[in-house]
Amino acid sequence: MLVEDSDLNDKSNYCIFLGIPTGSVMSAIHATMIRTGNAIEGLIEEEIPSDKIEGEITFHKKYPKLRDGNKGIVVDMEHEDKHEIDIIELKLGNTFDTKKAPAEVDSLNKVQKHLQKVQNKKVNKYVVCYTANTHEEIKAGFKGALPSDLNILTGREFAEKYYFEYENLLVKLAEKRIENQEFLLNYFIKNMDQKVVRKVIENAI
């Protein structure tokens, strides 16, 4: 994902304590991270070898009749085999919005109850935090709000479960790293207070 493809927002909260030039580009970085998180489903779908998986995997599974506010519920990934169904929330990191996380868990609960009624199968709820190294990091990200019946997986555990290389996804996510670094450096040189730029350059030499 390229930062320059995201809009610069000169009204973001970052501008208050960083100034408009820096605050605007910080908002673009934040927007790029959100886009990256939203793209993770497609990247994972490309990695999972379908010939090694028992059952059927569906990404972005929609349940329009199950209401979550004014719209239906969408499950990031659903895996159904002969015996059970896994409904999976996919996250890139392990930091959760304290307002959104309970709503996301509630959506999984609604889908679980629905599937248990229409399918004679066990339904398991999962959240995957791809870059988390341990379960403790994931639990900390939930800020004490992790339900006891919600299964958690690190990225490495998830990759092993679905037969693909953990690092492959990270390589794809980092493909535009150099372009982003060049964009940000050029942006700061052109838009920051030139006294600040000269001072930083002088200190770095």
Protein backbone atom coordinates (compact mmCIF):
# COMPACT_ATOMS: atom_id res chain seq x y z
CA MET A 1 0.00 0.00 0.00
CA LEU A 2 1.28 3.45 -0.93
CA VAL A 3 0.91 6.30 1.58
CA GLU A 4 0.69 8.81 -1.27
CA ASP A 5 -2.55 7.16 -2.42
CA SER A 6 -4.24 8.17 0.85
CA ASP A 7 -5.69 11.65 1.35
CA LEU A 8 -3.84 14.24 3.42
CA ASN A 9 -6.23 15.46 6.10
CA ASP A 10 -5.34 18.90 7.48
CA LYS A 11 -8.22 18.67 9.98
CA SER A 12 -6.98 15.51 11.73
CA ASN A 13 -6.19 15.48 15.45
CA TYR A 14 -2.53 14.90 14.59
CA CYS A 15 -2.37 18.49 13.30
CA ILE A 16 -3.06 19.89 16.75
CA PHE A 17 0.24 18.81 18.27
CA LEU A 18 2.34 18.14 15.14
CA GLY A 19 1.32 21.05 12.93
CA ILE A 20 -0.56 20.81 9.63
CA PRO A 21 2.23 19.44 7.36
CA THR A 22 3.23 16.60 9.69
CA GLY A 23 -0.28 16.02 11.04
CA SER A 24 -1.71 15.75 7.53
CA VAL A 25 0.75 13.10 6.43
CA MET A 26 0.30 11.21 9.72
CA SER A 27 -3.40 11.00 8.93
CA ALA A 28 -2.49 9.58 5.51
CA ILE A 29 -0.24 6.97 7.15
CA HIS A 30 -3.10 6.02 9.49
CA ALA A 31 -5.51 5.71 6.55
CA THR A 32 -2.98 3.54 4.71
CA MET A 33 -2.72 1.20 7.70
CA ILE A 34 -6.52 0.86 7.72
CA ARG A 35 -6.49 0.02 4.00
CA THR A 36 -3.74 -2.52 4.62
CA GLY A 37 -5.76 -4.16 7.38
CA ASN A 38 -8.78 -4.35 5.08
CA ALA A 39 -6.68 -5.98 2.36
CA ILE A 40 -5.42 -8.81 4.56
CA GLU A 41 -8.33 -11.10 3.62
CA GLY A 42 -7.41 -11.06 -0.05
CA LEU A 43 -3.73 -11.66 0.68
CA ILE A 44 -4.51 -14.62 2.93
CA GLU A 45 -6.87 -16.06 0.32
CA GLU A 46 -4.00 -16.03 -2.17
CA GLU A 47 -1.76 -17.93 0.25
CA ILE A 48 -4.01 -20.76 1.45
CA PRO A 49 -3.54 -23.88 -0.73
CA SER A 50 -7.08 -25.08 -1.46
CA ASP A 51 -5.89 -28.63 -2.27
CA LYS A 52 -4.70 -29.11 1.33
CA ILE A 53 -7.85 -27.86 3.04
CA GLU A 54 -10.70 -30.13 4.05
CA GLY A 55 -14.08 -28.51 3.50
CA GLU A 56 -14.84 -25.06 2.12
CA ILE A 57 -13.39 -21.65 2.95
CA THR A 58 -15.33 -18.46 2.22
CA PHE A 59 -13.88 -14.98 2.64
CA HIS A 60 -16.03 -11.94 3.35
CA LYS A 61 -19.05 -14.13 4.09
CA LYS A 62 -22.18 -12.00 4.23
CA TYR A 63 -25.17 -12.49 6.50
CA PRO A 64 -27.52 -9.70 5.33
CA LYS A 65 -30.44 -10.81 7.49
CA LEU A 66 -28.40 -10.68 10.69
CA ARG A 67 -28.43 -7.05 11.62
CA ASP A 68 -25.40 -5.20 12.98
CA GLY A 69 -26.69 -1.65 13.23
CA ASN A 70 -28.14 -0.67 9.85
CA LYS A 71 -26.39 -3.34 7.81
CA GLY A 72 -25.86 -7.07 7.73
CA ILE A 73 -22.94 -8.87 9.31
CA VAL A 74 -19.85 -9.82 7.33
CA VAL A 75 -17.47 -12.52 8.59
CA ASP A 76 -13.88 -12.11 7.41
CA MET A 77 -13.34 -15.85 6.90
CA GLU A 78 -15.51 -18.91 7.35
CA HIS A 79 -14.23 -22.49 7.19
CA GLU A 80 -16.75 -25.33 7.11
CA ASP A 81 -15.96 -29.04 7.03
CA LYS A 82 -18.05 -32.14 7.70
CA HIS A 83 -18.02 -31.71 11.46
CA GLU A 84 -17.72 -28.04 12.40
CA ILE A 85 -17.65 -24.42 11.28
CA ASP A 86 -14.99 -21.85 12.17
CA ILE A 87 -15.94 -18.18 11.91
CA ILE A 88 -12.82 -16.06 11.93
CA GLU A 89 -12.10 -12.37 12.46
CA LEU A 90 -8.79 -11.43 10.79
CA LYS A 91 -6.66 -8.65 12.27
CA LEU A 92 -3.24 -7.45 11.18
CA GLY A 93 -2.13 -6.24 14.61
CA ASN A 94 -3.19 -6.80 18.19
CA THR A 95 -4.40 -3.34 19.23
CA PHE A 96 -8.18 -3.17 19.39
CA ASP A 97 -10.49 -0.18 19.35
CA THR A 98 -12.25 -0.38 22.72
CA LYS A 99 -15.53 0.69 21.07
CA LYS A 100 -15.32 -1.52 17.98
CA ALA A 101 -13.97 -4.73 19.54
CA PRO A 102 -17.11 -5.54 21.61
CA ALA A 103 -19.28 -4.92 18.53
CA GLU A 104 -17.14 -7.26 16.44
CA VAL A 105 -17.36 -9.96 19.10
CA ASP A 106 -21.12 -9.44 19.29
CA SER A 107 -21.35 -9.94 15.52
CA LEU A 108 -19.51 -13.25 15.80
CA ASN A 109 -21.90 -14.27 18.58
CA LYS A 110 -24.91 -13.53 16.37
CA VAL A 111 -23.48 -15.52 13.47
CA GLN A 112 -22.59 -18.40 15.79
CA LYS A 113 -26.15 -18.57 17.18
CA HIS A 114 -27.60 -18.39 13.67
CA LEU A 115 -25.40 -21.21 12.34
CA GLN A 116 -26.07 -23.37 15.37
CA LYS A 117 -29.78 -23.14 14.59
CA VAL A 118 -29.53 -23.97 10.88
CA GLN A 119 -26.56 -26.35 10.94
CA ASN A 120 -26.13 -29.47 13.03
CA LYS A 121 -22.48 -28.66 13.63
CA LYS A 122 -20.22 -27.17 16.25
CA VAL A 123 -19.48 -23.49 15.55
CA ASN A 124 -16.16 -22.05 16.77
CA LYS A 125 -15.28 -18.36 17.02
CA TYR A 126 -11.74 -17.19 16.32
CA VAL A 127 -9.81 -13.96 16.15
CA VAL A 128 -6.44 -13.95 14.40
CA CYS A 129 -3.90 -11.22 15.19
CA TYR A 130 -1.37 -11.76 12.46
CA THR A 131 1.63 -9.84 13.77
CA ALA A 132 1.13 -10.80 17.41
CA ASN A 133 3.85 -13.09 18.72
CA THR A 134 2.01 -14.53 21.72
CA HIS A 135 -1.47 -15.05 23.13
CA GLU A 136 -0.53 -12.69 25.94
CA GLU A 137 -0.08 -9.86 23.42
CA ILE A 138 -3.52 -10.54 21.97
CA LYS A 139 -5.12 -10.61 25.41
CA ALA A 140 -3.42 -7.32 26.28
CA GLY A 141 -4.77 -5.82 23.05
CA PHE A 142 -8.31 -6.66 24.14
CA LYS A 143 -7.71 -4.60 27.30
CA GLY A 144 -9.36 -7.18 29.55
CA ALA A 145 -12.43 -7.60 27.32
CA LEU A 146 -11.54 -10.97 25.75
CA PRO A 147 -14.52 -13.38 26.03
CA SER A 148 -13.63 -16.80 27.42
CA ASP A 149 -15.24 -18.60 24.47
CA LEU A 150 -13.34 -16.66 21.80
CA ASN A 151 -10.37 -18.63 20.45
CA ILE A 152 -7.25 -16.63 19.62
CA LEU A 153 -4.47 -17.38 17.15
CA THR A 154 -1.21 -15.64 16.36
CA GLY A 155 -0.26 -15.27 12.72
CA ARG A 156 2.24 -18.11 12.91
CA GLU A 157 -0.38 -20.44 14.41
CA PHE A 158 -2.89 -19.44 11.75
CA ALA A 159 -0.37 -19.94 8.92
CA GLU A 160 0.54 -23.40 10.24
CA LYS A 161 -3.14 -24.34 10.56
CA TYR A 162 -3.79 -23.38 6.93
CA TYR A 163 -0.56 -24.65 5.37
CA PHE A 164 1.20 -21.51 4.17
CA GLU A 165 4.38 -19.62 5.04
CA TYR A 166 3.86 -16.93 7.66
CA GLU A 167 6.54 -14.64 6.19
CA ASN A 168 4.95 -14.60 2.73
CA LEU A 169 2.18 -12.26 3.85
CA LEU A 170 4.61 -9.88 5.55
CA VAL A 171 6.73 -9.74 2.38
CA LYS A 172 3.65 -8.75 0.36
CA LEU A 173 2.68 -6.10 2.90
CA ALA A 174 6.19 -4.61 2.74
CA GLU A 175 6.41 -4.45 -1.06
CA LYS A 176 6.01 -0.65 -1.15
CA ARG A 177 8.24 0.07 1.84
CA ILE A 178 11.00 1.85 -0.14
CA GLU A 179 8.49 3.93 -2.13
CA ASN A 180 6.80 4.97 1.12
CA GLN A 181 10.09 5.93 2.73
CA GLU A 182 11.04 8.04 -0.32
CA PHE A 183 7.63 9.72 -0.39
CA LEU A 184 7.75 10.60 3.31
CA LEU A 185 11.33 11.89 3.18
CA ASN A 186 10.56 14.09 0.15
CA TYR A 187 7.33 15.27 1.74
CA PHE A 188 9.01 16.29 4.99
CA ILE A 189 11.86 18.07 3.21
CA LYS A 190 9.42 20.06 1.07
CA ASN A 191 6.73 20.81 3.65
CA MET A 192 8.37 21.02 7.06
CA ASP A 193 9.71 24.27 8.52
CA GLN A 194 13.04 24.63 6.75
CA LYS A 195 14.79 25.61 10.00
CA VAL A 196 13.73 22.28 11.45
CA VAL A 197 14.85 20.43 8.32
CA ARG A 198 18.29 22.07 8.34
CA LYS A 199 18.74 21.42 12.05
CA VAL A 200 17.90 17.73 11.66
CA ILE A 201 20.19 17.34 8.64
CA GLU A 202 23.05 19.09 10.42
CA ASN A 203 22.66 16.86 13.49
CA ALA A 204 22.55 13.75 11.31
CA ILE A 205 25.81 14.54 9.48
